[in-house]
N, C-alpha and C. Protein backbone atom coordinates (compact mmCIF):
# COMPACT_ATOMS: atom_id res chain seq x y z
N UNK A 1 93.08 121.31 98.82
CA UNK A 1 93.55 121.34 97.43
C UNK A 1 94.14 119.98 97.03
N UNK A 2 94.99 119.43 97.86
CA UNK A 2 95.59 118.13 97.54
C UNK A 2 94.53 117.03 97.53
N UNK A 3 93.55 117.12 98.44
CA UNK A 3 92.49 116.11 98.49
C UNK A 3 91.68 116.14 97.19
N UNK A 4 91.34 117.35 96.73
CA UNK A 4 90.57 117.49 95.49
C UNK A 4 91.35 116.90 94.32
N UNK A 5 92.65 117.17 94.28
CA UNK A 5 93.50 116.65 93.21
C UNK A 5 93.56 115.12 93.27
N UNK A 6 93.60 114.58 94.50
CA UNK A 6 93.69 113.13 94.69
C UNK A 6 92.48 112.42 94.08
N UNK A 7 91.29 113.00 94.24
CA UNK A 7 90.06 112.32 93.79
C UNK A 7 89.57 112.75 92.41
N UNK A 8 90.22 113.73 91.78
CA UNK A 8 89.72 114.20 90.48
C UNK A 8 90.68 113.92 89.32
N UNK A 9 91.98 113.77 89.59
CA UNK A 9 92.91 113.49 88.50
C UNK A 9 93.10 111.98 88.33
N UNK A 10 93.49 111.58 87.14
CA UNK A 10 93.70 110.16 86.85
C UNK A 10 94.75 109.55 87.77
N UNK A 11 95.87 110.24 87.93
CA UNK A 11 96.96 109.69 88.75
C UNK A 11 96.55 109.69 90.22
N UNK A 12 95.74 110.65 90.63
CA UNK A 12 95.25 110.68 92.00
C UNK A 12 94.34 109.50 92.29
N UNK A 13 93.41 109.22 91.35
CA UNK A 13 92.51 108.07 91.52
C UNK A 13 93.29 106.76 91.51
N UNK A 14 94.29 106.67 90.65
CA UNK A 14 95.13 105.48 90.61
C UNK A 14 95.83 105.27 91.96
N UNK A 15 96.31 106.36 92.55
CA UNK A 15 96.95 106.28 93.86
C UNK A 15 95.97 105.81 94.92
N UNK A 16 94.74 106.34 94.89
CA UNK A 16 93.71 105.95 95.87
C UNK A 16 93.40 104.46 95.74
N UNK A 17 93.22 103.99 94.51
CA UNK A 17 92.91 102.57 94.30
C UNK A 17 94.08 101.68 94.72
N UNK A 18 95.31 102.13 94.43
CA UNK A 18 96.49 101.36 94.80
C UNK A 18 96.60 101.23 96.31
N UNK A 19 96.44 102.36 97.02
CA UNK A 19 96.50 102.34 98.48
C UNK A 19 95.38 101.46 99.04
N UNK A 20 94.19 101.59 98.51
CA UNK A 20 93.06 100.78 98.96
C UNK A 20 93.32 99.30 98.74
N UNK A 21 93.86 98.95 97.58
CA UNK A 21 94.17 97.56 97.26
C UNK A 21 95.19 96.99 98.24
N UNK A 22 96.22 97.77 98.55
CA UNK A 22 97.26 97.32 99.47
C UNK A 22 96.67 97.10 100.87
N UNK A 23 95.80 98.00 101.31
CA UNK A 23 95.17 97.85 102.63
C UNK A 23 94.31 96.59 102.67
N UNK A 24 93.53 96.35 101.62
CA UNK A 24 92.67 95.15 101.57
C UNK A 24 93.53 93.89 101.55
N UNK A 25 94.59 93.88 100.76
CA UNK A 25 95.48 92.71 100.72
C UNK A 25 96.13 92.47 102.07
N UNK A 26 96.57 93.53 102.74
CA UNK A 26 97.20 93.39 104.05
C UNK A 26 96.22 92.78 105.05
N UNK A 27 94.98 93.23 105.03
CA UNK A 27 93.96 92.70 105.93
C UNK A 27 93.69 91.23 105.62
N UNK A 28 93.62 90.88 104.34
CA UNK A 28 93.37 89.49 103.95
C UNK A 28 94.52 88.58 104.40
N UNK A 29 95.75 89.01 104.15
CA UNK A 29 96.91 88.20 104.53
C UNK A 29 96.98 88.06 106.05
N UNK A 30 96.69 89.13 106.79
CA UNK A 30 96.69 89.07 108.25
C UNK A 30 95.69 88.03 108.74
N UNK A 31 94.46 88.06 108.21
CA UNK A 31 93.43 87.09 108.62
C UNK A 31 93.84 85.67 108.24
N UNK A 32 94.39 85.51 107.03
CA UNK A 32 94.80 84.20 106.54
C UNK A 32 95.87 83.60 107.46
N UNK A 33 96.90 84.38 107.77
CA UNK A 33 97.99 83.91 108.62
C UNK A 33 97.48 83.61 110.02
N UNK A 34 96.65 84.50 110.56
CA UNK A 34 96.13 84.31 111.91
C UNK A 34 95.32 83.00 112.00
N UNK A 35 94.50 82.74 110.99
CA UNK A 35 93.68 81.52 110.99
C UNK A 35 94.57 80.28 110.92
N UNK A 36 95.60 80.31 110.08
CA UNK A 36 96.47 79.14 109.93
C UNK A 36 97.34 78.92 111.16
N UNK A 37 97.74 79.98 111.82
CA UNK A 37 98.51 79.84 113.07
C UNK A 37 97.64 79.15 114.11
N UNK A 38 96.38 79.54 114.22
CA UNK A 38 95.47 78.91 115.18
C UNK A 38 95.28 77.43 114.84
N UNK A 39 95.13 77.10 113.56
CA UNK A 39 94.96 75.71 113.16
C UNK A 39 96.21 74.90 113.50
N UNK A 40 97.39 75.48 113.25
CA UNK A 40 98.64 74.78 113.57
C UNK A 40 98.77 74.55 115.07
N UNK A 41 98.39 75.53 115.87
CA UNK A 41 98.45 75.37 117.32
C UNK A 41 97.53 74.23 117.77
N UNK A 42 96.35 74.14 117.19
CA UNK A 42 95.40 73.07 117.56
C UNK A 42 95.97 71.71 117.15
N UNK A 43 96.59 71.62 115.99
CA UNK A 43 97.17 70.36 115.53
C UNK A 43 98.29 69.91 116.47
N UNK A 44 99.14 70.85 116.88
CA UNK A 44 100.24 70.51 117.78
C UNK A 44 99.75 70.10 119.15
N UNK A 45 98.68 70.73 119.62
CA UNK A 45 98.12 70.40 120.93
C UNK A 45 97.57 68.97 120.92
N UNK A 46 96.91 68.58 119.84
CA UNK A 46 96.28 67.25 119.77
C UNK A 46 97.30 66.15 119.52
N UNK A 47 98.41 66.48 118.87
CA UNK A 47 99.38 65.44 118.53
C UNK A 47 100.28 65.07 119.70
N UNK A 48 100.41 65.94 120.71
CA UNK A 48 101.30 65.64 121.85
C UNK A 48 100.57 65.01 122.99
């Protein structure tokens, strides 16, 4: 019942999109930070 309400009502769809957006943003930020940490580690290794 709650699942049907989630995907059929306006507020339910808004909640689904909001949760999805947050998950996508979290994944993007995680990848971005991970990549920059690796780049910083390589820079520090070469400079010493």
